[in-house]
Amino acid sequence: MTQRETIYPAGRHDLYNKHGYSAAIKSGDLLFVSGQVGSRSDASPEPDFEAQVCLAFDNLKATLKAAGCGLEDIVDLTTFHTDPENQFDTVMAVKGDIFPEAPYPNWTALGVNWLAGFDFEIKVIARIPG
């Protein structure tokens, strides 16, 4: 049976324990990252939407780094949007800065009606280098 290892970015372990989930789980050579949001250090949502999207990607990068991964190791990207029609251009611009050239990860974008006070969330699966 494959061993599972929990991964937490520096300084955010308590946030995950409070809500009863892990930031990421390493299983074999794969990393399964829980939804990352644009939460500030006090766990509150960043109010500016573009800044919230950027902060969600920053939080994702911190989780990937804690597992020895980077953005280039992402194979599956899922994003969740509370108002996709009005948010999509902003998300595409930020995502274009994050992934400026091919090969891009595969991507699924979903419209949802609730993200616990946030407007954007990212969930990924990455391959652990090595």
N, C-alpha and C. Protein backbone atom coordinates (compact mmCIF):
# COMPACT_ATOMS: atom_id res chain seq x y z
N MET A 1 0.84 -1.18 0.00
CA MET A 1 0.00 0.00 0.00
C MET A 1 0.89 1.24 0.00
N THR A 2 0.54 2.23 -0.79
CA THR A 2 1.29 3.47 -0.87
C THR A 2 1.11 4.29 0.40
N GLN A 3 2.22 4.77 0.94
CA GLN A 3 2.16 5.62 2.13
C GLN A 3 1.67 7.01 1.74
N ARG A 4 0.92 7.63 2.64
CA ARG A 4 0.46 9.01 2.43
C ARG A 4 1.18 9.90 3.44
N GLU A 5 1.58 11.07 2.97
CA GLU A 5 2.24 12.04 3.82
C GLU A 5 1.52 13.37 3.69
N THR A 6 1.22 13.99 4.83
CA THR A 6 0.56 15.29 4.78
C THR A 6 1.60 16.38 4.55
N ILE A 7 1.20 17.40 3.81
CA ILE A 7 2.06 18.53 3.46
C ILE A 7 1.35 19.81 3.90
N TYR A 8 2.09 20.68 4.55
CA TYR A 8 1.57 21.99 4.97
C TYR A 8 2.57 23.07 4.60
N PRO A 9 2.11 24.19 4.06
CA PRO A 9 3.03 25.30 3.82
C PRO A 9 3.42 25.93 5.15
N ALA A 10 4.57 26.56 5.19
CA ALA A 10 5.07 27.19 6.41
C ALA A 10 4.06 28.20 6.94
N GLY A 11 3.82 28.12 8.25
CA GLY A 11 3.00 29.12 8.92
C GLY A 11 1.50 29.00 8.75
N ARG A 12 1.01 27.94 8.11
CA ARG A 12 -0.43 27.86 7.87
C ARG A 12 -1.04 26.55 8.39
N HIS A 13 -0.28 25.76 9.13
CA HIS A 13 -0.75 24.47 9.63
C HIS A 13 -2.02 24.62 10.48
N ASP A 14 -2.07 25.62 11.35
CA ASP A 14 -3.23 25.80 12.24
C ASP A 14 -4.52 26.05 11.47
N LEU A 15 -4.42 26.78 10.38
CA LEU A 15 -5.60 27.06 9.55
C LEU A 15 -6.24 25.76 9.07
N TYR A 16 -5.42 24.81 8.62
CA TYR A 16 -5.95 23.54 8.13
C TYR A 16 -6.46 22.67 9.27
N ASN A 17 -5.75 22.63 10.39
CA ASN A 17 -6.22 21.85 11.53
C ASN A 17 -7.57 22.36 12.03
N LYS A 18 -7.74 23.67 12.04
CA LYS A 18 -9.00 24.27 12.50
C LYS A 18 -10.18 23.75 11.69
N HIS A 19 -9.96 23.54 10.38
CA HIS A 19 -11.05 23.11 9.51
C HIS A 19 -11.02 21.61 9.19
N GLY A 20 -10.05 20.90 9.75
CA GLY A 20 -10.03 19.44 9.64
C GLY A 20 -9.65 18.88 8.28
N TYR A 21 -8.67 19.49 7.62
CA TYR A 21 -8.19 18.91 6.36
C TYR A 21 -6.72 19.25 6.18
N SER A 22 -6.08 18.57 5.25
CA SER A 22 -4.66 18.78 4.96
C SER A 22 -4.52 19.69 3.76
N ALA A 23 -3.46 20.49 3.74
CA ALA A 23 -3.18 21.35 2.59
C ALA A 23 -2.93 20.50 1.35
N ALA A 24 -2.19 19.40 1.55
CA ALA A 24 -1.90 18.49 0.44
C ALA A 24 -1.55 17.12 1.00
N ILE A 25 -1.72 16.13 0.16
CA ILE A 25 -1.34 14.76 0.50
C ILE A 25 -0.40 14.26 -0.59
N LYS A 26 0.76 13.78 -0.14
CA LYS A 26 1.72 13.15 -1.05
C LYS A 26 1.43 11.66 -1.03
N SER A 27 1.21 11.09 -2.21
CA SER A 27 0.95 9.66 -2.33
C SER A 27 1.75 9.15 -3.52
N GLY A 28 2.76 8.33 -3.25
CA GLY A 28 3.65 7.90 -4.32
C GLY A 28 4.35 9.11 -4.91
N ASP A 29 4.29 9.24 -6.24
CA ASP A 29 4.94 10.39 -6.87
C ASP A 29 3.93 11.48 -7.25
N LEU A 30 2.75 11.44 -6.61
CA LEU A 30 1.72 12.45 -6.89
C LEU A 30 1.45 13.29 -5.64
N LEU A 31 1.10 14.53 -5.88
CA LEU A 31 0.71 15.45 -4.83
C LEU A 31 -0.71 15.93 -5.12
N PHE A 32 -1.60 15.73 -4.18
CA PHE A 32 -3.00 16.15 -4.30
C PHE A 32 -3.19 17.35 -3.39
N VAL A 33 -3.38 18.53 -3.99
CA VAL A 33 -3.46 19.78 -3.23
C VAL A 33 -4.91 20.18 -3.04
N SER A 34 -5.29 20.41 -1.79
CA SER A 34 -6.64 20.90 -1.48
C SER A 34 -6.84 22.28 -2.08
N GLY A 35 -8.09 22.70 -2.17
CA GLY A 35 -8.40 24.01 -2.73
C GLY A 35 -7.67 25.12 -2.01
N GLN A 36 -6.98 25.94 -2.77
CA GLN A 36 -6.24 27.09 -2.24
C GLN A 36 -7.02 28.35 -2.60
N VAL A 37 -7.19 29.21 -1.61
CA VAL A 37 -7.94 30.44 -1.81
C VAL A 37 -7.03 31.64 -1.53
N GLY A 38 -7.54 32.81 -1.84
CA GLY A 38 -6.80 34.04 -1.61
C GLY A 38 -6.99 34.53 -0.20
N SER A 39 -6.54 33.72 0.77
CA SER A 39 -6.67 34.09 2.17
C SER A 39 -5.43 34.83 2.63
N ARG A 40 -5.66 35.87 3.41
CA ARG A 40 -4.57 36.62 4.00
C ARG A 40 -4.05 35.85 5.21
N SER A 41 -3.00 36.34 5.86
CA SER A 41 -2.38 35.61 6.97
C SER A 41 -3.34 35.35 8.13
N ASP A 42 -4.37 36.18 8.27
CA ASP A 42 -5.36 35.96 9.33
C ASP A 42 -6.51 35.07 8.87
N ALA A 43 -6.39 34.47 7.69
CA ALA A 43 -7.36 33.55 7.08
C ALA A 43 -8.57 34.25 6.47
N SER A 44 -8.60 35.58 6.49
CA SER A 44 -9.73 36.31 5.88
C SER A 44 -9.51 36.44 4.38
N PRO A 45 -10.62 36.57 3.63
CA PRO A 45 -10.49 36.72 2.18
C PRO A 45 -9.89 38.08 1.81
N GLU A 46 -9.02 38.07 0.81
CA GLU A 46 -8.54 39.31 0.22
C GLU A 46 -9.73 39.94 -0.51
N PRO A 47 -10.12 41.19 -0.21
CA PRO A 47 -11.33 41.75 -0.80
C PRO A 47 -11.24 42.10 -2.29
N ASP A 48 -10.07 42.50 -2.77
CA ASP A 48 -9.92 42.84 -4.19
C ASP A 48 -9.83 41.54 -5.00
N PHE A 49 -10.69 41.37 -6.00
CA PHE A 49 -10.76 40.09 -6.70
C PHE A 49 -9.44 39.71 -7.37
N GLU A 50 -8.83 40.61 -8.13
CA GLU A 50 -7.58 40.26 -8.80
C GLU A 50 -6.50 39.91 -7.77
N ALA A 51 -6.42 40.67 -6.70
CA ALA A 51 -5.45 40.37 -5.65
C ALA A 51 -5.77 39.03 -4.98
N GLN A 52 -7.06 38.70 -4.86
CA GLN A 52 -7.46 37.41 -4.28
C GLN A 52 -6.99 36.26 -5.16
N VAL A 53 -7.12 36.41 -6.48
CA VAL A 53 -6.66 35.37 -7.41
C VAL A 53 -5.14 35.21 -7.30
N CYS A 54 -4.43 36.33 -7.29
CA CYS A 54 -2.96 36.29 -7.17
C CYS A 54 -2.54 35.63 -5.86
N LEU A 55 -3.23 35.98 -4.78
CA LEU A 55 -2.90 35.41 -3.47
C LEU A 55 -3.21 33.92 -3.43
N ALA A 56 -4.28 33.49 -4.10
CA ALA A 56 -4.58 32.05 -4.17
C ALA A 56 -3.44 31.31 -4.86
N PHE A 57 -2.91 31.88 -5.95
CA PHE A 57 -1.77 31.26 -6.62
C PHE A 57 -0.53 31.30 -5.73
N ASP A 58 -0.32 32.38 -4.97
CA ASP A 58 0.81 32.43 -4.04
C ASP A 58 0.69 31.35 -2.97
N ASN A 59 -0.52 31.16 -2.44
CA ASN A 59 -0.75 30.11 -1.44
C ASN A 59 -0.53 28.73 -2.05
N LEU A 60 -0.94 28.56 -3.31
CA LEU A 60 -0.69 27.30 -4.02
C LEU A 60 0.82 27.07 -4.15
N LYS A 61 1.55 28.10 -4.57
CA LYS A 61 3.01 27.96 -4.72
C LYS A 61 3.66 27.54 -3.41
N ALA A 62 3.21 28.11 -2.29
CA ALA A 62 3.78 27.77 -0.98
C ALA A 62 3.52 26.31 -0.63
N THR A 63 2.34 25.81 -0.96
CA THR A 63 2.02 24.41 -0.70
C THR A 63 2.84 23.49 -1.59
N LEU A 64 2.94 23.84 -2.87
CA LEU A 64 3.78 23.05 -3.78
C LEU A 64 5.23 23.02 -3.30
N LYS A 65 5.75 24.18 -2.90
CA LYS A 65 7.14 24.28 -2.44
C LYS A 65 7.38 23.39 -1.22
N ALA A 66 6.40 23.34 -0.31
CA ALA A 66 6.53 22.51 0.89
C ALA A 66 6.68 21.03 0.54
N ALA A 67 6.22 20.65 -0.65
CA ALA A 67 6.32 19.26 -1.10
C ALA A 67 7.48 19.04 -2.06
N GLY A 68 8.26 20.10 -2.31
CA GLY A 68 9.37 19.98 -3.25
C GLY A 68 8.95 20.10 -4.70
N CYS A 69 7.81 20.72 -4.94
CA CYS A 69 7.27 20.89 -6.29
C CYS A 69 7.24 22.37 -6.67
N GLY A 70 6.95 22.61 -7.95
CA GLY A 70 6.73 23.95 -8.46
C GLY A 70 5.56 23.95 -9.40
N LEU A 71 5.24 25.10 -9.93
CA LEU A 71 4.12 25.21 -10.86
C LEU A 71 4.29 24.32 -12.08
N GLU A 72 5.54 24.11 -12.49
CA GLU A 72 5.82 23.30 -13.68
C GLU A 72 5.48 21.82 -13.45
N ASP A 73 5.25 21.42 -12.21
CA ASP A 73 4.92 20.03 -11.90
C ASP A 73 3.43 19.75 -11.90
N ILE A 74 2.61 20.79 -12.06
CA ILE A 74 1.15 20.62 -12.07
C ILE A 74 0.73 19.92 -13.35
N VAL A 75 -0.08 18.87 -13.20
CA VAL A 75 -0.64 18.19 -14.37
C VAL A 75 -2.14 18.41 -14.49
N ASP A 76 -2.81 18.70 -13.39
CA ASP A 76 -4.25 18.89 -13.41
C ASP A 76 -4.61 20.10 -12.56
N LEU A 77 -5.32 21.05 -13.15
CA LEU A 77 -5.69 22.30 -12.50
C LEU A 77 -7.21 22.45 -12.57
N THR A 78 -7.84 22.65 -11.42
CA THR A 78 -9.27 22.92 -11.36
C THR A 78 -9.46 24.23 -10.64
N THR A 79 -10.23 25.13 -11.24
CA THR A 79 -10.52 26.41 -10.58
C THR A 79 -12.03 26.53 -10.38
N PHE A 80 -12.38 27.20 -9.29
CA PHE A 80 -13.78 27.40 -8.92
C PHE A 80 -14.04 28.90 -8.86
N HIS A 81 -15.16 29.34 -9.44
CA HIS A 81 -15.47 30.77 -9.61
C HIS A 81 -16.90 31.04 -9.16
N THR A 82 -17.10 32.08 -8.35
CA THR A 82 -18.46 32.41 -7.90
C THR A 82 -19.23 33.22 -8.93
N ASP A 83 -18.56 33.85 -9.86
CA ASP A 83 -19.21 34.66 -10.91
C ASP A 83 -18.37 34.56 -12.19
N PRO A 84 -18.33 33.36 -12.80
CA PRO A 84 -17.40 33.12 -13.89
C PRO A 84 -17.52 34.11 -15.05
N GLU A 85 -18.71 34.48 -15.39
CA GLU A 85 -18.89 35.37 -16.54
C GLU A 85 -18.17 36.71 -16.33
N ASN A 86 -18.24 37.24 -15.13
CA ASN A 86 -17.63 38.54 -14.85
C ASN A 86 -16.19 38.43 -14.35
N GLN A 87 -15.76 37.26 -13.93
CA GLN A 87 -14.42 37.08 -13.36
C GLN A 87 -13.42 36.50 -14.37
N PHE A 88 -13.92 35.92 -15.44
CA PHE A 88 -13.07 35.11 -16.31
C PHE A 88 -11.90 35.89 -16.91
N ASP A 89 -12.13 37.11 -17.37
CA ASP A 89 -11.03 37.89 -17.98
C ASP A 89 -9.90 38.12 -16.98
N THR A 90 -10.26 38.44 -15.74
CA THR A 90 -9.24 38.65 -14.71
C THR A 90 -8.48 37.36 -14.43
N VAL A 91 -9.20 36.26 -14.30
CA VAL A 91 -8.57 34.97 -14.03
C VAL A 91 -7.65 34.59 -15.19
N MET A 92 -8.10 34.79 -16.41
CA MET A 92 -7.28 34.45 -17.58
C MET A 92 -5.99 35.27 -17.60
N ALA A 93 -6.06 36.55 -17.24
CA ALA A 93 -4.87 37.40 -17.22
C ALA A 93 -3.87 36.91 -16.17
N VAL A 94 -4.34 36.63 -14.97
CA VAL A 94 -3.45 36.14 -13.91
C VAL A 94 -2.90 34.77 -14.28
N LYS A 95 -3.77 33.89 -14.75
CA LYS A 95 -3.34 32.55 -15.13
C LYS A 95 -2.31 32.62 -16.26
N GLY A 96 -2.47 33.56 -17.17
CA GLY A 96 -1.49 33.74 -18.25
C GLY A 96 -0.12 34.15 -17.74
N ASP A 97 -0.09 34.92 -16.65
CA ASP A 97 1.19 35.27 -16.02
C ASP A 97 1.80 34.08 -15.30
N ILE A 98 0.96 33.24 -14.71
CA ILE A 98 1.42 32.07 -13.95
C ILE A 98 1.93 30.98 -14.88
N PHE A 99 1.22 30.76 -15.98
CA PHE A 99 1.58 29.74 -16.97
C PHE A 99 1.76 30.44 -18.32
N PRO A 100 2.92 31.09 -18.54
CA PRO A 100 3.09 31.91 -19.73
C PRO A 100 3.30 31.14 -21.03
N GLU A 101 3.68 29.87 -20.95
CA GLU A 101 3.95 29.13 -22.18
C GLU A 101 3.66 27.64 -21.99
N ALA A 102 3.47 26.97 -23.12
CA ALA A 102 3.22 25.54 -23.12
C ALA A 102 4.49 24.80 -22.68
N PRO A 103 4.34 23.64 -22.11
CA PRO A 103 3.10 22.90 -21.94
C PRO A 103 2.30 23.40 -20.73
N TYR A 104 1.04 23.63 -20.94
CA TYR A 104 0.14 24.08 -19.89
C TYR A 104 -0.45 22.86 -19.18
N PRO A 105 -0.82 23.02 -17.90
CA PRO A 105 -1.55 21.91 -17.27
C PRO A 105 -2.94 21.80 -17.88
N ASN A 106 -3.54 20.62 -17.80
CA ASN A 106 -4.94 20.58 -18.21
C ASN A 106 -5.74 21.39 -17.20
N TRP A 107 -6.91 21.91 -17.59
CA TRP A 107 -7.62 22.87 -16.75
C TRP A 107 -9.12 22.67 -16.87
N THR A 108 -9.78 22.63 -15.73
CA THR A 108 -11.23 22.61 -15.65
C THR A 108 -11.65 23.80 -14.79
N ALA A 109 -12.57 24.61 -15.30
CA ALA A 109 -13.08 25.78 -14.56
C ALA A 109 -14.56 25.53 -14.27
N LEU A 110 -14.93 25.73 -13.01
CA LEU A 110 -16.31 25.47 -12.58
C LEU A 110 -16.91 26.71 -11.94
N GLY A 111 -18.16 27.00 -12.28
CA GLY A 111 -18.91 28.04 -11.60
C GLY A 111 -19.60 27.44 -10.39
N VAL A 112 -19.48 28.10 -9.24
CA VAL A 112 -20.10 27.63 -8.00
C VAL A 112 -20.81 28.79 -7.32
N ASN A 113 -21.66 28.49 -6.36
CA ASN A 113 -22.37 29.59 -5.70
C ASN A 113 -21.87 29.88 -4.29
N TRP A 114 -20.88 29.12 -3.80
CA TRP A 114 -20.37 29.37 -2.45
C TRP A 114 -18.95 28.84 -2.31
N LEU A 115 -18.05 29.68 -1.78
CA LEU A 115 -16.67 29.28 -1.49
C LEU A 115 -16.25 29.81 -0.13
N ALA A 116 -17.13 29.70 0.84
CA ALA A 116 -16.84 30.09 2.23
C ALA A 116 -16.32 31.53 2.35
N GLY A 117 -16.93 32.44 1.60
CA GLY A 117 -16.55 33.85 1.67
C GLY A 117 -15.54 34.27 0.63
N PHE A 118 -15.02 33.33 -0.14
CA PHE A 118 -14.05 33.63 -1.20
C PHE A 118 -14.77 33.62 -2.54
N ASP A 119 -14.08 34.15 -3.56
CA ASP A 119 -14.65 34.19 -4.91
C ASP A 119 -13.90 33.34 -5.91
N PHE A 120 -12.79 32.73 -5.47
CA PHE A 120 -11.93 31.96 -6.37
C PHE A 120 -11.18 30.92 -5.55
N GLU A 121 -11.03 29.73 -6.13
CA GLU A 121 -10.30 28.65 -5.47
C GLU A 121 -9.60 27.82 -6.52
N ILE A 122 -8.42 27.28 -6.15
CA ILE A 122 -7.61 26.45 -7.07
C ILE A 122 -7.34 25.11 -6.39
N LYS A 123 -7.53 24.03 -7.13
CA LYS A 123 -7.20 22.68 -6.67
C LYS A 123 -6.33 22.04 -7.73
N VAL A 124 -5.24 21.37 -7.32
CA VAL A 124 -4.35 20.79 -8.32
C VAL A 124 -3.89 19.40 -7.94
N ILE A 125 -3.42 18.68 -8.96
CA ILE A 125 -2.66 17.45 -8.80
C ILE A 125 -1.33 17.71 -9.50
N ALA A 126 -0.25 17.40 -8.80
CA ALA A 126 1.09 17.60 -9.36
C ALA A 126 1.90 16.31 -9.25
N ARG A 127 2.85 16.18 -10.14
CA ARG A 127 3.80 15.06 -10.09
C ARG A 127 5.02 15.56 -9.32
N ILE A 128 5.45 14.78 -8.34
CA ILE A 128 6.60 15.16 -7.52
C ILE A 128 7.87 14.81 -8.28
N PRO A 129 8.73 15.81 -8.49
CA PRO A 129 9.96 15.53 -9.25
C PRO A 129 10.88 14.57 -8.50
N GLY A 130 11.67 13.87 -9.26
CA GLY A 130 12.64 13.04 -8.58
C GLY A 130 12.83 11.75 -9.20
